[in-house]
Amino acid sequence: MAAAAAGQQQVYLLPGNLLSPDNVVRKQAEETYENIPGQSKITFLLQAIRNTTAAEEARQMAAVLLRRLLSSAFDEVYPALPSDVQTAIKSELLMIIQMETQSSMRKK
């Protein structure tokens, strides 16, 4: 149970670590992100965007990464998802955009 909690915490820290000025931390975060399967990245990034306790920069990074993933690897990732998951992702994205109070975050 503790290992799962530590893994979840690392996932929440990942967007912020991708912005780190420390090359070692950033490089490790980049490697971790690249090793996450495409379909899992969508879930992870949506969770990071929803995490309102995270720093705004980290949430924005997650939004940018999600946009990049959906635009550059859409054909690889999205069609492989079950139709109910596709519908849930669409609904989640719409809800996040509607509920977001920061216009800069909505744009990303």
N, C-alpha and C. Protein backbone atom coordinates (compact mmCIF):
# COMPACT_ATOMS: atom_id res chain seq x y z
N MET A 1 0.82 -1.18 0.00
CA MET A 1 0.00 0.00 0.00
C MET A 1 0.87 1.26 0.00
N ALA A 2 1.95 1.25 0.75
CA ALA A 2 2.82 2.42 0.82
C ALA A 2 3.51 2.67 -0.52
N ALA A 3 3.86 1.60 -1.21
CA ALA A 3 4.50 1.74 -2.53
C ALA A 3 3.53 2.36 -3.52
N ALA A 4 2.26 1.98 -3.47
CA ALA A 4 1.26 2.55 -4.37
C ALA A 4 1.06 4.03 -4.07
N ALA A 5 1.03 4.39 -2.80
CA ALA A 5 0.88 5.80 -2.42
C ALA A 5 2.08 6.61 -2.87
N ALA A 6 3.27 6.05 -2.75
CA ALA A 6 4.48 6.74 -3.18
C ALA A 6 4.48 6.91 -4.70
N GLY A 7 4.02 5.90 -5.42
CA GLY A 7 3.93 5.98 -6.87
C GLY A 7 2.93 7.04 -7.30
N GLN A 8 1.80 7.10 -6.61
CA GLN A 8 0.78 8.11 -6.91
C GLN A 8 1.33 9.51 -6.64
N GLN A 9 2.07 9.66 -5.56
CA GLN A 9 2.67 10.96 -5.23
C GLN A 9 3.66 11.36 -6.31
N GLN A 10 4.44 10.42 -6.79
CA GLN A 10 5.42 10.72 -7.85
C GLN A 10 4.70 11.17 -9.12
N VAL A 11 3.56 10.56 -9.42
CA VAL A 11 2.78 10.94 -10.59
C VAL A 11 2.28 12.37 -10.44
N TYR A 12 1.84 12.74 -9.26
CA TYR A 12 1.37 14.11 -9.04
C TYR A 12 2.50 15.13 -9.14
N LEU A 13 3.71 14.73 -8.78
CA LEU A 13 4.85 15.64 -8.84
C LEU A 13 5.46 15.74 -10.23
N LEU A 14 5.15 14.81 -11.09
CA LEU A 14 5.78 14.74 -12.41
C LEU A 14 5.64 16.02 -13.25
N PRO A 15 4.45 16.60 -13.42
CA PRO A 15 4.39 17.83 -14.23
C PRO A 15 5.26 18.95 -13.68
N GLY A 16 5.30 19.11 -12.38
CA GLY A 16 6.16 20.13 -11.77
C GLY A 16 7.63 19.82 -11.97
N ASN A 17 7.98 18.53 -11.88
CA ASN A 17 9.38 18.13 -12.08
C ASN A 17 9.82 18.33 -13.52
N LEU A 18 8.89 18.25 -14.46
CA LEU A 18 9.23 18.51 -15.86
C LEU A 18 9.61 19.97 -16.08
N LEU A 19 9.20 20.84 -15.17
CA LEU A 19 9.52 22.26 -15.24
C LEU A 19 10.73 22.63 -14.39
N SER A 20 11.31 21.68 -13.71
CA SER A 20 12.39 21.94 -12.77
C SER A 20 13.62 22.53 -13.45
N PRO A 21 14.24 23.53 -12.82
CA PRO A 21 15.49 24.06 -13.35
C PRO A 21 16.68 23.11 -13.13
N ASP A 22 16.49 22.13 -12.25
CA ASP A 22 17.54 21.14 -11.97
C ASP A 22 17.53 20.10 -13.10
N ASN A 23 18.61 20.03 -13.85
CA ASN A 23 18.69 19.13 -15.00
C ASN A 23 18.45 17.67 -14.64
N VAL A 24 18.97 17.23 -13.50
CA VAL A 24 18.83 15.84 -13.08
C VAL A 24 17.36 15.51 -12.81
N VAL A 25 16.69 16.38 -12.08
CA VAL A 25 15.27 16.17 -11.74
C VAL A 25 14.44 16.18 -13.02
N ARG A 26 14.68 17.16 -13.88
CA ARG A 26 13.92 17.28 -15.12
C ARG A 26 14.14 16.07 -16.03
N LYS A 27 15.40 15.64 -16.17
CA LYS A 27 15.74 14.49 -17.03
C LYS A 27 15.04 13.22 -16.53
N GLN A 28 15.07 13.02 -15.21
CA GLN A 28 14.41 11.86 -14.63
C GLN A 28 12.90 11.92 -14.86
N ALA A 29 12.32 13.10 -14.72
CA ALA A 29 10.88 13.27 -14.96
C ALA A 29 10.54 13.01 -16.42
N GLU A 30 11.40 13.45 -17.35
CA GLU A 30 11.17 13.21 -18.77
C GLU A 30 11.21 11.71 -19.08
N GLU A 31 12.16 11.01 -18.49
CA GLU A 31 12.26 9.57 -18.70
C GLU A 31 11.05 8.84 -18.14
N THR A 32 10.62 9.25 -16.96
CA THR A 32 9.44 8.65 -16.34
C THR A 32 8.22 8.87 -17.22
N TYR A 33 8.04 10.10 -17.70
CA TYR A 33 6.89 10.43 -18.55
C TYR A 33 6.90 9.61 -19.84
N GLU A 34 8.07 9.48 -20.46
CA GLU A 34 8.17 8.74 -21.71
C GLU A 34 7.87 7.26 -21.53
N ASN A 35 8.08 6.73 -20.34
CA ASN A 35 7.84 5.31 -20.07
C ASN A 35 6.39 5.00 -19.72
N ILE A 36 5.56 6.01 -19.58
CA ILE A 36 4.15 5.79 -19.30
C ILE A 36 3.46 5.46 -20.62
N PRO A 37 2.71 4.37 -20.69
CA PRO A 37 2.01 4.04 -21.94
C PRO A 37 1.04 5.15 -22.34
N GLY A 38 0.85 5.32 -23.64
CA GLY A 38 0.02 6.42 -24.16
C GLY A 38 -1.35 6.51 -23.55
N GLN A 39 -2.04 5.39 -23.42
CA GLN A 39 -3.39 5.41 -22.87
C GLN A 39 -3.38 5.81 -21.40
N SER A 40 -2.36 5.41 -20.67
CA SER A 40 -2.24 5.78 -19.26
C SER A 40 -1.88 7.25 -19.11
N LYS A 41 -1.15 7.78 -20.09
CA LYS A 41 -0.78 9.21 -20.04
C LYS A 41 -2.02 10.08 -20.02
N ILE A 42 -3.04 9.71 -20.79
CA ILE A 42 -4.26 10.51 -20.83
C ILE A 42 -4.87 10.59 -19.44
N THR A 43 -5.01 9.45 -18.79
CA THR A 43 -5.59 9.41 -17.44
C THR A 43 -4.74 10.21 -16.47
N PHE A 44 -3.43 9.98 -16.51
CA PHE A 44 -2.50 10.69 -15.63
C PHE A 44 -2.60 12.20 -15.82
N LEU A 45 -2.61 12.65 -17.06
CA LEU A 45 -2.64 14.09 -17.34
C LEU A 45 -3.97 14.71 -16.94
N LEU A 46 -5.06 13.99 -17.14
CA LEU A 46 -6.36 14.50 -16.69
C LEU A 46 -6.38 14.65 -15.17
N GLN A 47 -5.81 13.68 -14.47
CA GLN A 47 -5.74 13.77 -13.01
C GLN A 47 -4.90 14.96 -12.57
N ALA A 48 -3.79 15.18 -13.26
CA ALA A 48 -2.91 16.29 -12.92
C ALA A 48 -3.60 17.63 -13.16
N ILE A 49 -4.37 17.72 -14.22
CA ILE A 49 -5.10 18.96 -14.51
C ILE A 49 -6.18 19.21 -13.46
N ARG A 50 -6.86 18.16 -13.05
CA ARG A 50 -7.92 18.28 -12.03
C ARG A 50 -7.38 18.60 -10.65
N ASN A 51 -6.11 18.32 -10.40
CA ASN A 51 -5.51 18.51 -9.07
C ASN A 51 -5.35 20.00 -8.78
N THR A 52 -6.37 20.61 -8.22
CA THR A 52 -6.35 22.05 -7.96
C THR A 52 -5.40 22.43 -6.82
N THR A 53 -4.89 21.46 -6.08
CA THR A 53 -3.92 21.77 -5.02
C THR A 53 -2.51 21.88 -5.57
N ALA A 54 -2.32 21.46 -6.83
CA ALA A 54 -1.00 21.54 -7.46
C ALA A 54 -0.73 22.98 -7.90
N ALA A 55 0.54 23.27 -8.11
CA ALA A 55 0.92 24.59 -8.59
C ALA A 55 0.31 24.83 -9.97
N GLU A 56 -0.06 26.07 -10.24
CA GLU A 56 -0.69 26.42 -11.51
C GLU A 56 0.21 26.05 -12.70
N GLU A 57 1.51 26.25 -12.54
CA GLU A 57 2.45 25.92 -13.63
C GLU A 57 2.44 24.43 -13.94
N ALA A 58 2.33 23.60 -12.90
CA ALA A 58 2.31 22.15 -13.09
C ALA A 58 1.02 21.73 -13.79
N ARG A 59 -0.10 22.34 -13.42
CA ARG A 59 -1.37 22.04 -14.08
C ARG A 59 -1.33 22.47 -15.54
N GLN A 60 -0.72 23.62 -15.80
CA GLN A 60 -0.61 24.10 -17.17
C GLN A 60 0.29 23.17 -17.99
N MET A 61 1.36 22.69 -17.39
CA MET A 61 2.25 21.75 -18.08
C MET A 61 1.48 20.49 -18.44
N ALA A 62 0.67 19.98 -17.51
CA ALA A 62 -0.13 18.78 -17.79
C ALA A 62 -1.11 19.05 -18.93
N ALA A 63 -1.71 20.23 -18.97
CA ALA A 63 -2.64 20.58 -20.05
C ALA A 63 -1.93 20.64 -21.40
N VAL A 64 -0.74 21.22 -21.41
CA VAL A 64 0.04 21.30 -22.66
C VAL A 64 0.44 19.90 -23.12
N LEU A 65 0.89 19.06 -22.19
CA LEU A 65 1.27 17.69 -22.55
C LEU A 65 0.08 16.90 -23.08
N LEU A 66 -1.09 17.10 -22.48
CA LEU A 66 -2.28 16.41 -22.96
C LEU A 66 -2.64 16.88 -24.37
N ARG A 67 -2.58 18.19 -24.58
CA ARG A 67 -2.87 18.72 -25.91
C ARG A 67 -1.89 18.15 -26.94
N ARG A 68 -0.61 18.11 -26.60
CA ARG A 68 0.40 17.55 -27.51
C ARG A 68 0.13 16.07 -27.78
N LEU A 69 -0.18 15.33 -26.74
CA LEU A 69 -0.45 13.91 -26.90
C LEU A 69 -1.64 13.67 -27.81
N LEU A 70 -2.71 14.43 -27.59
CA LEU A 70 -3.91 14.24 -28.39
C LEU A 70 -3.75 14.75 -29.82
N SER A 71 -2.84 15.69 -30.03
CA SER A 71 -2.67 16.20 -31.39
C SER A 71 -1.61 15.41 -32.16
N SER A 72 -0.53 14.99 -31.51
CA SER A 72 0.55 14.33 -32.23
C SER A 72 0.41 12.81 -32.28
N ALA A 73 -0.17 12.21 -31.27
CA ALA A 73 -0.27 10.74 -31.21
C ALA A 73 -1.72 10.28 -31.15
N PHE A 74 -2.63 11.11 -31.62
CA PHE A 74 -4.05 10.80 -31.52
C PHE A 74 -4.38 9.45 -32.16
N ASP A 75 -3.89 9.23 -33.38
CA ASP A 75 -4.21 8.00 -34.11
C ASP A 75 -3.66 6.75 -33.44
N GLU A 76 -2.61 6.91 -32.66
CA GLU A 76 -2.01 5.77 -31.97
C GLU A 76 -2.72 5.45 -30.66
N VAL A 77 -3.18 6.49 -29.98
CA VAL A 77 -3.68 6.33 -28.62
C VAL A 77 -5.20 6.25 -28.55
N TYR A 78 -5.86 7.24 -29.09
CA TYR A 78 -7.31 7.38 -28.88
C TYR A 78 -8.15 6.25 -29.46
N PRO A 79 -7.95 5.86 -30.73
CA PRO A 79 -8.80 4.79 -31.29
C PRO A 79 -8.66 3.45 -30.56
N ALA A 80 -7.56 3.24 -29.88
CA ALA A 80 -7.35 1.98 -29.16
C ALA A 80 -8.16 1.93 -27.86
N LEU A 81 -8.67 3.07 -27.43
CA LEU A 81 -9.45 3.11 -26.19
C LEU A 81 -10.86 2.60 -26.44
N PRO A 82 -11.45 1.92 -25.46
CA PRO A 82 -12.85 1.51 -25.60
C PRO A 82 -13.75 2.74 -25.76
N SER A 83 -14.87 2.58 -26.44
CA SER A 83 -15.74 3.73 -26.72
C SER A 83 -16.25 4.40 -25.45
N ASP A 84 -16.49 3.64 -24.37
CA ASP A 84 -16.95 4.27 -23.13
C ASP A 84 -15.85 5.13 -22.51
N VAL A 85 -14.60 4.72 -22.66
CA VAL A 85 -13.47 5.51 -22.15
C VAL A 85 -13.31 6.77 -23.01
N GLN A 86 -13.48 6.65 -24.32
CA GLN A 86 -13.41 7.82 -25.20
C GLN A 86 -14.47 8.85 -24.80
N THR A 87 -15.68 8.38 -24.54
CA THR A 87 -16.77 9.27 -24.12
C THR A 87 -16.46 9.91 -22.78
N ALA A 88 -15.90 9.14 -21.86
CA ALA A 88 -15.55 9.67 -20.54
C ALA A 88 -14.46 10.75 -20.66
N ILE A 89 -13.50 10.54 -21.54
CA ILE A 89 -12.43 11.53 -21.74
C ILE A 89 -13.01 12.82 -22.30
N LYS A 90 -13.88 12.70 -23.29
CA LYS A 90 -14.51 13.90 -23.86
C LYS A 90 -15.29 14.66 -22.80
N SER A 91 -16.08 13.94 -22.02
CA SER A 91 -16.88 14.57 -20.97
C SER A 91 -15.99 15.24 -19.93
N GLU A 92 -14.93 14.55 -19.55
CA GLU A 92 -14.01 15.08 -18.56
C GLU A 92 -13.34 16.36 -19.06
N LEU A 93 -12.89 16.35 -20.30
CA LEU A 93 -12.26 17.54 -20.87
C LEU A 93 -13.23 18.72 -20.90
N LEU A 94 -14.45 18.47 -21.33
CA LEU A 94 -15.44 19.54 -21.36
C LEU A 94 -15.74 20.08 -19.96
N MET A 95 -15.85 19.18 -19.00
CA MET A 95 -16.12 19.61 -17.63
C MET A 95 -14.96 20.43 -17.07
N ILE A 96 -13.73 19.98 -17.33
CA ILE A 96 -12.56 20.71 -16.84
C ILE A 96 -12.53 22.12 -17.43
N ILE A 97 -12.79 22.23 -18.73
CA ILE A 97 -12.77 23.54 -19.38
C ILE A 97 -13.87 24.44 -18.82
N GLN A 98 -15.06 23.89 -18.61
CA GLN A 98 -16.17 24.68 -18.10
C GLN A 98 -15.94 25.13 -16.66
N MET A 99 -15.32 24.28 -15.85
CA MET A 99 -15.14 24.58 -14.43
C MET A 99 -13.90 25.44 -14.16
N GLU A 100 -12.98 25.50 -15.10
CA GLU A 100 -11.72 26.23 -14.89
C GLU A 100 -11.98 27.73 -14.80
N THR A 101 -11.40 28.35 -13.79
CA THR A 101 -11.58 29.79 -13.58
C THR A 101 -10.45 30.62 -14.20
N GLN A 102 -9.30 30.02 -14.40
CA GLN A 102 -8.15 30.73 -14.99
C GLN A 102 -8.21 30.66 -16.50
N SER A 103 -8.30 31.81 -17.16
CA SER A 103 -8.42 31.82 -18.62
C SER A 103 -7.14 31.24 -19.28
N SER A 104 -5.98 31.48 -18.69
CA SER A 104 -4.74 30.94 -19.26
C SER A 104 -4.75 29.42 -19.22
N MET A 105 -5.32 28.86 -18.18
CA MET A 105 -5.40 27.39 -18.06
C MET A 105 -6.39 26.84 -19.08
N ARG A 106 -7.52 27.54 -19.26
CA ARG A 106 -8.52 27.09 -20.24
C ARG A 106 -7.92 27.05 -21.64
N LYS A 107 -7.10 28.03 -21.98
CA LYS A 107 -6.50 28.09 -23.30
C LYS A 107 -5.54 26.94 -23.54
N LYS A 108 -4.82 26.55 -22.52
CA LYS A 108 -3.83 25.48 -22.66
C LYS A 108 -4.53 24.16 -22.79
